[in-house]
Amino acid sequence: MSKQIIIRPLITEKSELLSENLSQYSFVVNKNANKIEIRKAIEAMYGVNVDAVNTIIVPGKSKVRNTRTGLQKGRKPSFKKAIVRLSEGEEIDFFGDI
């Protein structure tokens, strides 16, 4: 049984600035994946050369919102984020056919 390493790309304002200026791309990855597995998965999926992989475990947060029935308390789950730096001149196009 093989685990899915890359869950999805992370598209935020900060990640867009990183990709435009520094050729770095952000992904949500499996919590058990290490940097070597992440590097191999990105190179295989997008056909690019990866220079460096940095990982961060983003902690979960408690959220509270007001509704008509009162306060709703919940929790956002924690996740692992990988910031991948590509070789000079390479890029990943997430919005290719839109």
PDB file of N, CA and C in Angstrom:
ATOM      1  N   MET A   1       0.847  -1.185   0.000  1.00  0.00           N
ATOM      2  CA  MET A   1       0.000   0.000   0.000  1.00  0.00           C
ATOM      3  C   MET A   1       0.888   1.244   0.000  1.00  0.00           C
ATOM      4  N   SER A   2       0.832   2.028  -1.064  1.00  0.00           N
ATOM      5  CA  SER A   2       1.662   3.221  -1.135  1.00  0.00           C
ATOM      6  C   SER A   2       0.880   4.425  -0.630  1.00  0.00           C
ATOM      7  N   LYS A   3       1.562   5.272   0.110  1.00  0.00           N
ATOM      8  CA  LYS A   3       0.904   6.461   0.637  1.00  0.00           C
ATOM      9  C   LYS A   3       1.013   7.605  -0.362  1.00  0.00           C
ATOM     10  N   GLN A   4       0.031   8.463  -0.350  1.00  0.00           N
ATOM     11  CA  GLN A   4       0.056   9.635  -1.213  1.00  0.00           C
ATOM     12  C   GLN A   4       0.904  10.696  -0.516  1.00  0.00           C
ATOM     13  N   ILE A   5       1.963  11.138  -1.164  1.00  0.00           N
ATOM     14  CA  ILE A   5       2.896  12.073  -0.533  1.00  0.00           C
ATOM     15  C   ILE A   5       2.418  13.515  -0.698  1.00  0.00           C
ATOM     16  N   ILE A   6       2.122  13.921  -1.917  1.00  0.00           N
ATOM     17  CA  ILE A   6       1.665  15.291  -2.164  1.00  0.00           C
ATOM     18  C   ILE A   6       0.142  15.301  -2.124  1.00  0.00           C
ATOM     19  N   ILE A   7      -0.426  16.088  -1.226  1.00  0.00           N
ATOM     20  CA  ILE A   7      -1.883  16.151  -1.110  1.00  0.00           C
ATOM     21  C   ILE A   7      -2.443  17.199  -2.071  1.00  0.00           C
ATOM     22  N   ARG A   8      -1.878  18.415  -2.036  1.00  0.00           N
ATOM     23  CA  ARG A   8      -2.325  19.474  -2.945  1.00  0.00           C
ATOM     24  C   ARG A   8      -1.339  20.623  -2.910  1.00  0.00           C
ATOM     25  N   PRO A   9      -1.308  21.448  -3.968  1.00  0.00           N
ATOM     26  CA  PRO A   9      -0.499  22.667  -3.895  1.00  0.00           C
ATOM     27  C   PRO A   9      -1.180  23.680  -2.985  1.00  0.00           C
ATOM     28  N   LEU A  10      -0.403  24.515  -2.360  1.00  0.00           N
ATOM     29  CA  LEU A  10      -0.924  25.530  -1.449  1.00  0.00           C
ATOM     30  C   LEU A  10      -0.872  26.872  -2.162  1.00  0.00           C
ATOM     31  N   ILE A  11      -2.036  27.429  -2.498  1.00  0.00           N
ATOM     32  CA  ILE A  11      -2.119  28.669  -3.257  1.00  0.00           C
ATOM     33  C   ILE A  11      -2.575  29.778  -2.304  1.00  0.00           C
ATOM     34  N   THR A  12      -1.653  30.624  -1.876  1.00  0.00           N
ATOM     35  CA  THR A  12      -1.952  31.780  -1.034  1.00  0.00           C
ATOM     36  C   THR A  12      -1.190  32.977  -1.601  1.00  0.00           C
ATOM     37  N   GLU A  13      -1.430  34.151  -1.030  1.00  0.00           N
ATOM     38  CA  GLU A  13      -0.717  35.342  -1.494  1.00  0.00           C
ATOM     39  C   GLU A  13       0.784  35.184  -1.259  1.00  0.00           C
ATOM     40  N   LYS A  14       1.150  34.671  -0.089  1.00  0.00           N
ATOM     41  CA  LYS A  14       2.566  34.520   0.229  1.00  0.00           C
ATOM     42  C   LYS A  14       3.230  33.501  -0.691  1.00  0.00           C
ATOM     43  N   SER A  15       2.541  32.385  -0.970  1.00  0.00           N
ATOM     44  CA  SER A  15       3.141  31.379  -1.846  1.00  0.00           C
ATOM     45  C   SER A  15       3.247  31.886  -3.281  1.00  0.00           C
ATOM     46  N   GLU A  16       2.328  32.732  -3.717  1.00  0.00           N
ATOM     47  CA  GLU A  16       2.426  33.331  -5.054  1.00  0.00           C
ATOM     48  C   GLU A  16       3.633  34.254  -5.152  1.00  0.00           C
ATOM     49  N   LEU A  17       3.893  35.050  -4.105  1.00  0.00           N
ATOM     50  CA  LEU A  17       5.067  35.918  -4.100  1.00  0.00           C
ATOM     51  C   LEU A  17       6.354  35.098  -4.118  1.00  0.00           C
ATOM     52  N   LEU A  18       6.392  33.996  -3.360  1.00  0.00           N
ATOM     53  CA  LEU A  18       7.567  33.126  -3.345  1.00  0.00           C
ATOM     54  C   LEU A  18       7.823  32.524  -4.723  1.00  0.00           C
ATOM     55  N   SER A  19       6.755  32.089  -5.395  1.00  0.00           N
ATOM     56  CA  SER A  19       6.943  31.447  -6.696  1.00  0.00           C
ATOM     57  C   SER A  19       7.365  32.458  -7.764  1.00  0.00           C
ATOM     58  N   GLU A  20       6.850  33.680  -7.700  1.00  0.00           N
ATOM     59  CA  GLU A  20       7.220  34.695  -8.691  1.00  0.00           C
ATOM     60  C   GLU A  20       8.656  35.178  -8.494  1.00  0.00           C
ATOM     61  N   ASN A  21       9.051  35.421  -7.243  1.00  0.00           N
ATOM     62  CA  ASN A  21      10.340  36.064  -6.980  1.00  0.00           C
ATOM     63  C   ASN A  21      11.481  35.081  -6.765  1.00  0.00           C
ATOM     64  N   LEU A  22      11.230  33.971  -6.085  1.00  0.00           N
ATOM     65  CA  LEU A  22      12.316  33.095  -5.648  1.00  0.00           C
ATOM     66  C   LEU A  22      12.256  31.689  -6.229  1.00  0.00           C
ATOM     67  N   SER A  23      11.294  31.396  -7.092  1.00  0.00           N
ATOM     68  CA  SER A  23      11.131  30.065  -7.680  1.00  0.00           C
ATOM     69  C   SER A  23      10.919  29.000  -6.601  1.00  0.00           C
ATOM     70  N   GLN A  24      10.083  29.348  -5.592  1.00  0.00           N
ATOM     71  CA  GLN A  24       9.734  28.417  -4.523  1.00  0.00           C
ATOM     72  C   GLN A  24       8.233  28.159  -4.579  1.00  0.00           C
ATOM     73  N   TYR A  25       7.847  26.899  -4.389  1.00  0.00           N
ATOM     74  CA  TYR A  25       6.446  26.503  -4.479  1.00  0.00           C
ATOM     75  C   TYR A  25       6.051  25.774  -3.203  1.00  0.00           C
ATOM     76  N   SER A  26       4.804  25.993  -2.742  1.00  0.00           N
ATOM     77  CA  SER A  26       4.332  25.413  -1.488  1.00  0.00           C
ATOM     78  C   SER A  26       3.330  24.305  -1.765  1.00  0.00           C
ATOM     79  N   PHE A  27       3.420  23.232  -0.971  1.00  0.00           N
ATOM     80  CA  PHE A  27       2.522  22.089  -1.095  1.00  0.00           C
ATOM     81  C   PHE A  27       2.105  21.624   0.288  1.00  0.00           C
ATOM     82  N   VAL A  28       0.870  21.114   0.397  1.00  0.00           N
ATOM     83  CA  VAL A  28       0.450  20.391   1.583  1.00  0.00           C
ATOM     84  C   VAL A  28       0.830  18.938   1.338  1.00  0.00           C
ATOM     85  N   VAL A  29       1.571  18.340   2.269  1.00  0.00           N
ATOM     86  CA  VAL A  29       2.083  16.985   2.078  1.00  0.00           C
ATOM     87  C   VAL A  29       1.661  16.100   3.251  1.00  0.00           C
ATOM     88  N   ASN A  30       1.846  14.800   3.054  1.00  0.00           N
ATOM     89  CA  ASN A  30       1.559  13.818   4.088  1.00  0.00           C
ATOM     90  C   ASN A  30       2.452  14.080   5.294  1.00  0.00           C
ATOM     91  N   LYS A  31       1.888  13.965   6.516  1.00  0.00           N
ATOM     92  CA  LYS A  31       2.665  14.260   7.726  1.00  0.00           C
ATOM     93  C   LYS A  31       3.832  13.302   7.916  1.00  0.00           C
ATOM     94  N   ASN A  32       3.743  12.100   7.376  1.00  0.00           N
ATOM     95  CA  ASN A  32       4.796  11.105   7.569  1.00  0.00           C
ATOM     96  C   ASN A  32       5.858  11.137   6.478  1.00  0.00           C
ATOM     97  N   ALA A  33       5.692  11.988   5.475  1.00  0.00           N
ATOM     98  CA  ALA A  33       6.647  12.045   4.365  1.00  0.00           C
ATOM     99  C   ALA A  33       7.894  12.821   4.786  1.00  0.00           C
ATOM    100  N   ASN A  34       9.062  12.329   4.343  1.00  0.00           N
ATOM    101  CA  ASN A  34      10.297  13.058   4.637  1.00  0.00           C
ATOM    102  C   ASN A  34      10.709  13.869   3.407  1.00  0.00           C
ATOM    103  N   LYS A  35      11.802  14.631   3.550  1.00  0.00           N
ATOM    104  CA  LYS A  35      12.213  15.548   2.485  1.00  0.00           C
ATOM    105  C   LYS A  35      12.630  14.814   1.214  1.00  0.00           C
ATOM    106  N   ILE A  36      13.247  13.661   1.354  1.00  0.00           N
ATOM    107  CA  ILE A  36      13.686  12.894   0.179  1.00  0.00           C
ATOM    108  C   ILE A  36      12.484  12.390  -0.607  1.00  0.00           C
ATOM    109  N   GLU A  37      11.471  11.865   0.100  1.00  0.00           N
ATOM    110  CA  GLU A  37      10.256  11.396  -0.574  1.00  0.00           C
ATOM    111  C   GLU A  37       9.530  12.545  -1.258  1.00  0.00           C
ATOM    112  N   ILE A  38       9.487  13.705  -0.610  1.00  0.00           N
ATOM    113  CA  ILE A  38       8.818  14.871  -1.193  1.00  0.00           C
ATOM    114  C   ILE A  38       9.547  15.308  -2.465  1.00  0.00           C
ATOM    115  N   ARG A  39      10.882  15.349  -2.414  1.00  0.00           N
ATOM    116  CA  ARG A  39      11.684  15.732  -3.589  1.00  0.00           C
ATOM    117  C   ARG A  39      11.410  14.795  -4.760  1.00  0.00           C
ATOM    118  N   LYS A  40      11.427  13.482  -4.529  1.00  0.00           N
ATOM    119  CA  LYS A  40      11.206  12.515  -5.602  1.00  0.00           C
ATOM    120  C   LYS A  40       9.792  12.627  -6.173  1.00  0.00           C
ATOM    121  N   ALA A  41       8.798  12.853  -5.305  1.00  0.00           N
ATOM    122  CA  ALA A  41       7.411  12.959  -5.766  1.00  0.00           C
ATOM    123  C   ALA A  41       7.206  14.199  -6.633  1.00  0.00           C
ATOM    124  N   ILE A  42       7.787  15.333  -6.236  1.00  0.00           N
ATOM    125  CA  ILE A  42       7.643  16.576  -7.017  1.00  0.00           C
ATOM    126  C   ILE A  42       8.345  16.434  -8.367  1.00  0.00           C
ATOM    127  N   GLU A  43       9.558  15.857  -8.362  1.00  0.00           N
ATOM    128  CA  GLU A  43      10.288  15.685  -9.616  1.00  0.00           C
ATOM    129  C   GLU A  43       9.549  14.752 -10.565  1.00  0.00           C
ATOM    130  N   ALA A  44       8.932  13.695 -10.030  1.00  0.00           N
ATOM    131  CA  ALA A  44       8.197  12.755 -10.876  1.00  0.00           C
ATOM    132  C   ALA A  44       6.892  13.357 -11.390  1.00  0.00           C
ATOM    133  N   MET A  45       6.176  14.096 -10.546  1.00  0.00           N
ATOM    134  CA  MET A  45       4.864  14.613 -10.916  1.00  0.00           C
ATOM    135  C   MET A  45       4.955  15.771 -11.900  1.00  0.00           C
ATOM    136  N   TYR A  46       5.915  16.683 -11.706  1.00  0.00           N
ATOM    137  CA  TYR A  46       5.975  17.899 -12.520  1.00  0.00           C
ATOM    138  C   TYR A  46       7.136  17.920 -13.502  1.00  0.00           C
ATOM    139  N   GLY A  47       8.054  16.969 -13.438  1.00  0.00           N
ATOM    140  CA  GLY A  47       9.167  16.912 -14.374  1.00  0.00           C
ATOM    141  C   GLY A  47      10.145  18.067 -14.239  1.00  0.00           C
ATOM    142  N   VAL A  48      10.468  18.448 -13.011  1.00  0.00           N
ATOM    143  CA  VAL A  48      11.394  19.548 -12.747  1.00  0.00           C
ATOM    144  C   VAL A  48      12.520  19.046 -11.841  1.00  0.00           C
ATOM    145  N   ASN A  49      13.585  19.847 -11.721  1.00  0.00           N
ATOM    146  CA  ASN A  49      14.681  19.525 -10.812  1.00  0.00           C
ATOM    147  C   ASN A  49      14.535  20.350  -9.536  1.00  0.00           C
ATOM    148  N   VAL A  50      14.568  19.673  -8.390  1.00  0.00           N
ATOM    149  CA  VAL A  50      14.378  20.324  -7.098  1.00  0.00           C
ATOM    150  C   VAL A  50      15.742  20.585  -6.472  1.00  0.00           C
ATOM    151  N   ASP A  51      15.988  21.846  -6.047  1.00  0.00           N
ATOM    152  CA  ASP A  51      17.230  22.195  -5.358  1.00  0.00           C
ATOM    153  C   ASP A  51      17.138  21.930  -3.864  1.00  0.00           C
ATOM    154  N   ALA A  52      16.033  22.370  -3.235  1.00  0.00           N
ATOM    155  CA  ALA A  52      15.924  22.260  -1.780  1.00  0.00           C
ATOM    156  C   ALA A  52      14.471  22.049  -1.375  1.00  0.00           C
ATOM    157  N   VAL A  53      14.292  21.385  -0.229  1.00  0.00           N
ATOM    158  CA  VAL A  53      12.965  21.166   0.334  1.00  0.00           C
ATOM    159  C   VAL A  53      13.004  21.585   1.796  1.00  0.00           C
ATOM    160  N   ASN A  54      12.121  22.496   2.193  1.00  0.00           N
ATOM    161  CA  ASN A  54      11.952  22.880   3.588  1.00  0.00           C
ATOM    162  C   ASN A  54      10.564  22.434   4.024  1.00  0.00           C
ATOM    163  N   THR A  55      10.448  21.880   5.237  1.00  0.00           N
ATOM    164  CA  THR A  55       9.149  21.409   5.717  1.00  0.00           C
ATOM    165  C   THR A  55       8.787  22.113   7.017  1.00  0.00           C
ATOM    166  N   ILE A  56       7.491  22.286   7.217  1.00  0.00           N
ATOM    167  CA  ILE A  56       6.947  22.940   8.397  1.00  0.00           C
ATOM    168  C   ILE A  56       5.699  22.175   8.794  1.00  0.00           C
ATOM    169  N   ILE A  57       5.527  21.894  10.086  1.00  0.00           N
ATOM    170  CA  ILE A  57       4.256  21.356  10.567  1.00  0.00           C
ATOM    171  C   ILE A  57       3.476  22.522  11.150  1.00  0.00           C
ATOM    172  N   VAL A  58       2.379  22.879  10.481  1.00  0.00           N
ATOM    173  CA  VAL A  58       1.539  23.994  10.901  1.00  0.00           C
ATOM    174  C   VAL A  58       0.567  23.466  11.948  1.00  0.00           C
ATOM    175  N   PRO A  59       0.579  24.025  13.170  1.00  0.00           N
ATOM    176  CA  PRO A  59      -0.287  23.497  14.221  1.00  0.00           C
ATOM    177  C   PRO A  59      -1.756  23.807  13.969  1.00  0.00           C
ATOM    178  N   GLY A  60      -2.636  22.968  14.494  1.00  0.00           N
ATOM    179  CA  GLY A  60      -4.070  23.187  14.384  1.00  0.00           C
ATOM    180  C   GLY A  60      -4.501  24.343  15.271  1.00  0.00           C
ATOM    181  N   LYS A  61      -5.645  24.928  14.954  1.00  0.00           N
ATOM    182  CA  LYS A  61      -6.133  26.082  15.706  1.00  0.00           C
ATOM    183  C   LYS A  61      -7.592  25.867  16.102  1.00  0.00           C
ATOM    184  N   SER A  62      -7.962  26.434  17.245  1.00  0.00           N
ATOM    185  CA  SER A  62      -9.359  26.430  17.659  1.00  0.00           C
ATOM    186  C   SER A  62     -10.074  27.585  16.976  1.00  0.00           C
ATOM    187  N   LYS A  63     -11.278  27.326  16.493  1.00  0.00           N
ATOM    188  CA  LYS A  63     -12.064  28.362  15.820  1.00  0.00           C
ATOM    189  C   LYS A  63     -13.418  28.474  16.509  1.00  0.00           C
ATOM    190  N   VAL A  64     -13.921  29.702  16.621  1.00  0.00           N
ATOM    191  CA  VAL A  64     -15.237  29.963  17.196  1.00  0.00           C
ATOM    192  C   VAL A  64     -15.969  30.891  16.246  1.00  0.00           C
ATOM    193  N   ARG A  65     -17.231  30.575  15.962  1.00  0.00           N
ATOM    194  CA  ARG A  65     -18.018  31.467  15.111  1.00  0.00           C
ATOM    195  C   ARG A  65     -19.399  31.651  15.720  1.00  0.00           C
ATOM    196  N   ASN A  66     -19.988  32.817  15.456  1.00  0.00           N
ATOM    197  CA  ASN A  66     -21.323  33.145  15.951  1.00  0.00           C
ATOM    198  C   ASN A  66     -22.371  32.708  14.943  1.00  0.00           C
ATOM    199  N   THR A  67     -23.391  32.017  15.400  1.00  0.00           N
ATOM    200  CA  THR A  67     -24.526  31.659  14.551  1.00  0.00           C
ATOM    201  C   THR A  67     -25.803  32.048  15.275  1.00  0.00           C
ATOM    202  N   ARG A  68     -26.937  31.820  14.627  1.00  0.00           N
ATOM    203  CA  ARG A  68     -28.219  32.125  15.269  1.00  0.00           C
ATOM    204  C   ARG A  68     -28.450  31.284  16.516  1.00  0.00           C
ATOM    205  N   THR A  69     -27.946  30.057  16.497  1.00  0.00           N
ATOM    206  CA  THR A  69     -28.163  29.159  17.631  1.00  0.00           C
ATOM    207  C   THR A  69     -27.120  29.334  18.728  1.00  0.00           C
ATOM    208  N   GLY A  70     -26.159  30.227  18.539  1.00  0.00           N
ATOM    209  CA  GLY A  70     -25.145  30.484  19.555  1.00  0.00           C
ATOM    210  C   GLY A  70     -23.753  30.265  19.007  1.00  0.00           C
ATOM    211  N   LEU A  71     -22.798  30.103  19.907  1.00  0.00           N
ATOM    212  CA  LEU A  71     -21.416  29.912  19.510  1.00  0.00           C
ATOM    213  C   LEU A  71     -21.182  28.486  19.028  1.00  0.00           C
ATOM    214  N   GLN A  72     -20.487  28.363  17.916  1.00  0.00           N
ATOM    215  CA  GLN A  72     -20.075  27.059  17.401  1.00  0.00           C
ATOM    216  C   GLN A  72     -18.568  26.960  17.579  1.00  0.00           C
ATOM    217  N   LYS A  73     -18.126  25.996  18.357  1.00  0.00           N
ATOM    218  CA  LYS A  73     -16.692  25.809  18.577  1.00  0.00           C
ATOM    219  C   LYS A  73     -16.206  24.638  17.750  1.00  0.00           C
ATOM    220  N   GLY A  74     -15.039  24.799  17.161  1.00  0.00           N
ATOM    221  CA  GLY A  74     -14.473  23.743  16.336  1.00  0.00           C
ATOM    222  C   GLY A  74     -12.961  23.830  16.330  1.00  0.00           C
ATOM    223  N   ARG A  75     -12.357  22.992  15.518  1.00  0.00           N
ATOM    224  CA  ARG A  75     -10.907  22.939  15.463  1.00  0.00           C
ATOM    225  C   ARG A  75     -10.454  22.708  14.025  1.00  0.00           C
ATOM    226  N   LYS A  76      -9.461  23.492  13.574  1.00  0.00           N
ATOM    227  CA  LYS A  76      -8.841  23.280  12.274  1.00  0.00           C
ATOM    228  C   LYS A  76      -7.697  22.293  12.478  1.00  0.00           C
ATOM    229  N   PRO A  77      -7.571  21.285  11.624  1.00  0.00           N
ATOM    230  CA  PRO A  77      -6.525  20.279  11.840  1.00  0.00           C
ATOM    231  C   PRO A  77      -5.130  20.821  11.501  1.00  0.00           C
ATOM    232  N   SER A  78      -4.115  20.209  12.096  1.00  0.00           N
ATOM    233  CA  SER A  78      -2.744  20.566  11.754  1.00  0.00           C
ATOM    234  C   SER A  78      -2.374  19.879  10.440  1.00  0.00           C
ATOM    235  N   PHE A  79      -1.371  20.415   9.748  1.00  0.00           N
ATOM    236  CA  PHE A  79      -0.927  19.823   8.483  1.00  0.00           C
ATOM    237  C   PHE A  79       0.543  20.113   8.281  1.00  0.00           C
ATOM    238  N   LYS A  80       1.144  19.364   7.368  1.00  0.00           N
ATOM    239  CA  LYS A  80       2.558  19.553   7.051  1.00  0.00           C
ATOM    240  C   LYS A  80       2.667  20.272   5.719  1.00  0.00           C
ATOM    241  N   LYS A  81       3.492  21.320   5.696  1.00  0.00           N
ATOM    242  CA  LYS A  81       3.674  22.131   4.499  1.00  0.00           C
ATOM    243  C   LYS A  81       5.119  21.973   4.034  1.00  0.00           C
ATOM    244  N   ALA A  82       5.304  21.831   2.725  1.00  0.00           N
ATOM    245  CA  ALA A  82       6.641  21.746   2.150  1.00  0.00           C
ATOM    246  C   ALA A  82       6.830  22.913   1.199  1.00  0.00           C
ATOM    247  N   ILE A  83       7.950  23.631   1.352  1.00  0.00           N
ATOM    248  CA  ILE A  83       8.317  24.696   0.436  1.00  0.00           C
ATOM    249  C   ILE A  83       9.492  24.177  -0.382  1.00  0.00           C
ATOM    250  N   VAL A  84       9.279  24.091  -1.702  1.00  0.00           N
ATOM    251  CA  VAL A  84      10.234  23.459  -2.608  1.00  0.00           C
ATOM    252  C   VAL A  84      10.871  24.529  -3.481  1.00  0.00           C
ATOM    253  N   ARG A  85      12.206  24.574  -3.509  1.00  0.00           N
ATOM    254  CA  ARG A  85      12.921  25.500  -4.392  1.00  0.00           C
ATOM    255  C   ARG A  85      13.404  24.736  -5.615  1.00  0.00           C
ATOM    256  N   LEU A  86      13.062  25.262  -6.800  1.00  0.00           N
ATOM    257  CA  LEU A  86      13.433  24.609  -8.044  1.00  0.00           C
ATOM    258  C   LEU A  86      14.756  25.142  -8.561  1.00  0.00           C
ATOM    259  N   SER A  87      15.346  24.416  -9.494  1.00  0.00           N
ATOM    260  CA  SER A  87      16.584  24.856 -10.136  1.00  0.00           C
ATOM    261  C   SER A  87      16.340  26.128 -10.940  1.00  0.00           C
ATOM    262  N   GLU A  88      17.416  26.819 -11.262  1.00  0.00           N
ATOM    263  CA  GLU A  88      17.335  28.093 -11.983  1.00  0.00           C
ATOM    264  C   GLU A  88      16.640  27.914 -13.338  1.00  0.00           C
ATOM    265  N   GLY A  89      15.654  28.767 -13.608  1.00  0.00           N
ATOM    266  CA  GLY A  89      14.983  28.754 -14.903  1.00  0.00           C
ATOM    267  C   GLY A  89      13.813  27.789 -15.017  1.00  0.00           C
ATOM    268  N   GLU A  90      13.518  26.998 -13.990  1.00  0.00           N
ATOM    269  CA  GLU A  90      12.391  26.065 -14.054  1.00  0.00           C
ATOM    270  C   GLU A  90      11.210  26.623 -13.284  1.00  0.00           C
ATOM    271  N   GLU A  91      10.004  26.202 -13.705  1.00  0.00           N
ATOM    272  CA  GLU A  91       8.797  26.643 -13.016  1.00  0.00           C
ATOM    273  C   GLU A  91       7.707  25.594 -13.136  1.00  0.00           C
ATOM    274  N   ILE A  92       6.722  25.691 -12.250  1.00  0.00           N
ATOM    275  CA  ILE A  92       5.555  24.810 -12.258  1.00  0.00           C
ATOM    276  C   ILE A  92       4.351  25.686 -12.574  1.00  0.00           C
ATOM    277  N   ASP A  93       3.537  25.273 -13.540  1.00  0.00           N
ATOM    278  CA  ASP A  93       2.349  26.041 -13.913  1.00  0.00           C
ATOM    279  C   ASP A  93       1.120  25.298 -13.383  1.00  0.00           C
ATOM    280  N   PHE A  94       0.556  25.785 -12.255  1.00  0.00           N
ATOM    281  CA  PHE A  94      -0.619  25.145 -11.667  1.00  0.00           C
ATOM    282  C   PHE A  94      -1.880  25.443 -12.472  1.00  0.00           C
ATOM    283  N   PHE A  95      -1.936  26.597 -13.134  1.00  0.00           N
ATOM    284  CA  PHE A  95      -3.138  27.041 -13.837  1.00  0.00           C
ATOM    285  C   PHE A  95      -2.954  26.943 -15.345  1.00  0.00           C
ATOM    286  N   GLY A  96      -2.454  25.819 -15.838  1.00  0.00           N
ATOM    287  CA  GLY A  96      -2.088  25.677 -17.233  1.00  0.00           C
ATOM    288  C   GLY A  96      -3.224  25.828 -18.224  1.00  0.00           C
ATOM    289  N   ASP A  97      -4.343  25.125 -18.046  1.00  0.00           N
ATOM    290  CA  ASP A  97      -5.389  25.084 -19.069  1.00  0.00           C
ATOM    291  C   ASP A  97      -6.634  25.852 -18.682  1.00  0.00           C
ATOM    292  N   ILE A  98      -6.493  26.864 -17.866  1.00  0.00           N
ATOM    293  CA  ILE A  98      -7.681  27.623 -17.426  1.00  0.00           C
ATOM    294  C   ILE A  98      -7.940  28.754 -18.392  1.00  0.00           C
TER     295      ILE A  98
END
